[in-house]
Amino acid sequence: MWTPRAAGLSSTSLTGCDLPPTILKARRLAAANSKWQVYFDHVTDIRGNEVRDYLVIESPHRRADRITGVGVLPIVDGQCGLISCYRHAIGSQLWEMPRGFIDAGESPNEAALRELTEETGLTCRSSDLMPLGYYAPEPNTMAARGALFVARHCQGKVRSSQDEIGLGTFQLFGARQMSELVANGSIEDSGTLVAYYRYCALTAEQGAA
């Protein structure tokens, strides 16, 4: 199983404790919706650097671990499942794993199983949902982490989600096809790439055991 320590990461590289801390002097709310709150922070550091409008994006439902969402890589008969997504902010069509926010009262595992079914129609037994650690989608501005999972032995009738802007068709890809998608830049989403590489590492580790 993938762990930060197994990946050769030290505690300081995980927490940033070896870096000079910033000091929050003031904060003002710039915008908000049901999923995010946008702040302008006035921050300084011990070396005298200062930024008066440092952009920070946070979830209104703060968790101590700052996990706000999940991503789950479905596996069907040894193939990886991805969704064709149009992302308005960058004006591009990308291949991504199913993902979404954690609802109030949910655990990351429960959210992963729910998002899997909502976006693909597939189901997975809890025992076949394996954690792949966490990732930070944009740690320079987003106070958010994503919990990553692989859903093995998925079953069910595939369907596309019709109630979310930008989500298109769901498609299965073999190992060679996945390598091509990574190489030609069709997979740009960082969470999808991290999950895929960690899944490959986990598979190789289990195969060598």
Protein backbone atom coordinates (compact mmCIF):
# COMPACT_ATOMS: atom_id res chain seq x y z
CA MET A 1 0.00 0.00 0.00
CA TRP A 2 1.25 3.48 -0.85
CA THR A 3 2.26 5.61 2.12
CA PRO A 4 4.19 8.90 2.32
CA ARG A 5 7.00 7.18 4.21
CA ALA A 6 7.14 4.36 1.66
CA ALA A 7 7.51 6.99 -1.02
CA GLY A 8 10.62 8.34 0.72
CA LEU A 9 9.06 11.54 2.08
CA SER A 10 10.27 12.93 5.38
CA SER A 11 8.02 14.52 7.97
CA THR A 12 9.43 17.95 7.18
CA SER A 13 8.81 17.54 3.45
CA LEU A 14 5.21 16.61 4.23
CA THR A 15 4.48 19.48 6.61
CA GLY A 16 6.82 22.23 5.47
CA CYS A 17 8.18 22.57 9.00
CA ASP A 18 11.65 23.18 7.61
CA LEU A 19 10.46 26.36 5.87
CA PRO A 20 10.05 29.85 7.40
CA PRO A 21 6.44 30.27 8.59
CA THR A 22 4.19 33.06 7.40
CA ILE A 23 2.35 35.39 9.75
CA LEU A 24 -1.29 36.22 9.05
CA LYS A 25 -1.85 39.88 9.89
CA ALA A 26 -5.33 40.36 8.42
CA ARG A 27 -7.94 38.52 6.35
CA ARG A 28 -10.98 39.62 4.38
CA LEU A 29 -13.59 37.56 2.60
CA ALA A 30 -13.69 38.35 -1.12
CA ALA A 31 -16.28 35.86 -2.41
CA ALA A 32 -18.11 32.70 -1.43
CA ASN A 33 -20.44 29.99 -2.68
CA SER A 34 -21.65 26.65 -1.33
CA LYS A 35 -18.29 24.94 -1.98
CA TRP A 36 -15.57 27.58 -1.52
CA GLN A 37 -14.67 30.74 0.35
CA VAL A 38 -12.16 33.11 -1.25
CA TYR A 39 -10.01 35.29 0.99
CA PHE A 40 -7.44 38.03 0.57
CA ASP A 41 -4.82 37.60 3.30
CA HIS A 42 -2.23 40.10 4.47
CA VAL A 43 0.80 37.92 5.23
CA THR A 44 4.43 38.47 6.16
CA ASP A 45 7.34 36.20 6.99
CA ILE A 46 10.32 36.34 9.34
CA ARG A 47 12.55 37.57 6.53
CA GLY A 48 10.47 40.71 6.00
CA ASN A 49 8.61 39.64 2.84
CA GLU A 50 5.03 40.87 2.64
CA VAL A 51 1.94 40.26 0.48
CA ARG A 52 -1.19 42.29 1.18
CA ASP A 53 -3.67 40.42 -1.03
CA TYR A 54 -2.52 36.81 -0.87
CA LEU A 55 -5.30 34.73 -2.43
CA VAL A 56 -6.47 31.76 -0.33
CA ILE A 57 -9.36 29.42 -1.20
CA GLU A 58 -10.90 27.31 1.57
CA SER A 59 -13.88 25.05 2.05
CA PRO A 60 -16.64 26.51 4.26
CA HIS A 61 -16.73 23.07 5.93
CA ARG A 62 -13.21 22.95 7.36
CA ARG A 63 -11.68 19.69 8.50
CA ALA A 64 -8.52 19.50 10.58
CA ASP A 65 -6.80 17.51 7.81
CA ARG A 66 -8.15 19.96 5.15
CA ILE A 67 -9.47 17.11 3.03
CA THR A 68 -12.28 18.60 0.97
CA GLY A 69 -12.81 16.03 -1.78
CA VAL A 70 -12.04 12.60 -3.15
CA GLY A 71 -10.91 11.03 -6.39
CA VAL A 72 -11.47 7.37 -7.23
CA LEU A 73 -9.89 5.40 -10.07
CA PRO A 74 -12.29 2.61 -11.17
CA ILE A 75 -10.86 -0.71 -12.33
CA VAL A 76 -13.04 -2.94 -14.51
CA ASP A 77 -11.54 -6.22 -15.76
CA GLY A 78 -8.04 -4.78 -15.35
CA GLN A 79 -8.84 -1.56 -17.23
CA CYS A 80 -8.87 1.96 -15.81
CA GLY A 81 -12.02 4.04 -16.13
CA LEU A 82 -11.90 7.75 -16.95
CA ILE A 83 -14.50 10.44 -17.70
CA SER A 84 -14.22 12.94 -20.54
CA CYS A 85 -14.62 16.31 -18.81
CA TYR A 86 -14.87 19.80 -20.24
CA ARG A 87 -13.26 22.22 -17.78
CA HIS A 88 -14.65 25.71 -18.23
CA ALA A 89 -11.82 27.51 -16.41
CA ILE A 90 -9.17 26.36 -18.90
CA GLY A 91 -11.48 25.78 -21.87
CA SER A 92 -10.27 22.23 -22.48
CA GLN A 93 -11.58 18.67 -22.70
CA LEU A 94 -9.64 16.33 -20.40
CA TRP A 95 -9.73 12.72 -19.24
CA GLU A 96 -10.19 12.48 -15.47
CA MET A 97 -11.07 9.95 -12.79
CA PRO A 98 -14.44 10.34 -11.03
CA ARG A 99 -14.15 12.84 -8.20
CA GLY A 100 -16.15 15.21 -6.04
CA PHE A 101 -16.65 16.91 -2.70
CA ILE A 102 -17.17 15.21 0.65
CA ASP A 103 -20.71 15.79 1.93
CA ALA A 104 -21.40 16.76 5.53
CA GLY A 105 -21.07 13.75 7.83
CA GLU A 106 -19.35 11.60 5.20
CA SER A 107 -16.01 9.89 5.50
CA PRO A 108 -13.64 10.06 2.51
CA ASN A 109 -14.30 6.34 1.86
CA GLU A 110 -18.06 6.87 1.79
CA ALA A 111 -17.68 9.88 -0.50
CA ALA A 112 -15.49 7.88 -2.90
CA LEU A 113 -18.05 5.08 -3.21
CA ARG A 114 -20.88 7.60 -3.70
CA GLU A 115 -19.02 9.60 -6.36
CA LEU A 116 -18.09 6.42 -8.19
CA THR A 117 -21.75 5.42 -8.56
CA GLU A 118 -23.07 8.93 -9.22
CA GLU A 119 -20.62 9.65 -12.04
CA THR A 120 -20.29 6.22 -13.65
CA GLY A 121 -23.11 3.93 -12.49
CA LEU A 122 -20.51 1.45 -11.20
CA THR A 123 -20.36 0.01 -7.71
CA CYS A 124 -17.51 -1.36 -5.64
CA ARG A 125 -17.44 -3.35 -2.42
CA SER A 126 -15.96 -1.49 0.53
CA SER A 127 -13.28 -4.16 0.79
CA ASP A 128 -12.20 -3.44 -2.80
CA LEU A 129 -11.79 0.31 -2.19
CA MET A 130 -8.12 0.93 -1.46
CA PRO A 131 -6.63 4.26 -0.31
CA LEU A 132 -3.86 5.81 -2.41
CA GLY A 133 -2.95 8.61 -0.01
CA TYR A 134 -3.54 12.31 -0.53
CA TYR A 135 -2.53 15.10 -2.88
CA ALA A 136 -2.65 18.90 -2.81
CA PRO A 137 -4.33 20.23 -5.99
CA GLU A 138 -2.86 23.75 -5.69
CA PRO A 139 -1.16 24.30 -2.32
CA ASN A 140 -0.08 27.82 -3.18
CA THR A 141 -3.66 29.08 -3.03
CA MET A 142 -6.01 26.24 -2.03
CA ALA A 143 -6.26 25.16 1.61
CA ALA A 144 -7.41 21.76 0.38
CA ARG A 145 -6.31 18.17 0.03
CA GLY A 146 -7.88 15.37 -1.97
CA ALA A 147 -8.12 11.77 -0.74
CA LEU A 148 -7.32 9.30 -3.52
CA PHE A 149 -8.63 5.77 -3.94
CA VAL A 150 -8.63 2.90 -6.39
CA ALA A 151 -11.88 0.94 -6.73
CA ARG A 152 -11.01 -2.59 -7.80
CA HIS A 153 -13.39 -5.15 -9.31
CA CYS A 154 -16.07 -2.57 -10.16
CA GLN A 155 -19.39 -3.88 -11.38
CA GLY A 156 -22.63 -2.51 -12.78
CA LYS A 157 -24.05 -0.91 -15.88
CA VAL A 158 -22.04 2.10 -17.00
CA ARG A 159 -23.92 5.37 -17.40
CA SER A 160 -22.86 8.99 -17.78
CA SER A 161 -23.81 11.64 -15.23
CA GLN A 162 -26.39 14.10 -16.57
CA ASP A 163 -26.58 16.52 -13.65
CA GLU A 164 -23.11 18.08 -13.61
CA ILE A 165 -21.80 20.65 -16.08
CA GLY A 166 -18.91 19.42 -18.21
CA LEU A 167 -19.07 15.68 -17.48
CA GLY A 168 -19.13 13.56 -20.63
CA THR A 169 -18.71 9.91 -21.48
CA PHE A 170 -17.08 7.23 -19.33
CA GLN A 171 -14.55 4.98 -21.04
CA LEU A 172 -12.24 2.11 -20.10
CA PHE A 173 -8.55 2.12 -21.04
CA GLY A 174 -5.97 -0.66 -20.96
CA ALA A 175 -2.41 -0.22 -19.71
CA ARG A 176 -1.00 0.76 -23.12
CA GLN A 177 -3.81 3.23 -23.76
CA MET A 178 -3.30 4.81 -20.34
CA SER A 179 0.40 5.25 -21.06
CA GLU A 180 -0.46 6.96 -24.34
CA LEU A 181 -2.95 9.31 -22.66
CA VAL A 182 -0.32 10.30 -20.12
CA ALA A 183 2.38 10.74 -22.76
CA ASN A 184 0.29 12.86 -25.16
CA GLY A 185 -1.05 15.14 -22.42
CA SER A 186 -4.67 14.02 -22.58
CA ILE A 187 -4.54 13.49 -18.80
CA GLU A 188 -3.62 16.83 -17.24
CA ASP A 189 -5.51 16.61 -13.98
CA SER A 190 -2.91 16.22 -11.24
CA GLY A 191 -5.09 14.07 -9.00
CA THR A 192 -5.77 11.59 -11.80
CA LEU A 193 -2.08 11.35 -12.61
CA VAL A 194 -1.07 10.88 -8.97
CA ALA A 195 -3.73 8.21 -8.44
CA TYR A 196 -2.72 6.36 -11.62
CA TYR A 197 1.00 6.33 -10.81
CA ARG A 198 0.37 5.23 -7.23
CA TYR A 199 -1.94 2.48 -8.47
CA CYS A 200 0.78 1.32 -10.88
CA ALA A 201 3.31 1.31 -8.04
CA LEU A 202 0.90 -0.63 -5.81
CA THR A 203 0.26 -3.20 -8.56
CA ALA A 204 3.98 -3.63 -9.18
CA GLU A 205 4.61 -4.05 -5.46
CA GLN A 206 1.91 -6.68 -5.12
CA GLY A 207 3.19 -8.47 -8.20
CA ALA A 208 6.70 -8.64 -6.76
CA ALA A 209 5.50 -9.92 -3.37
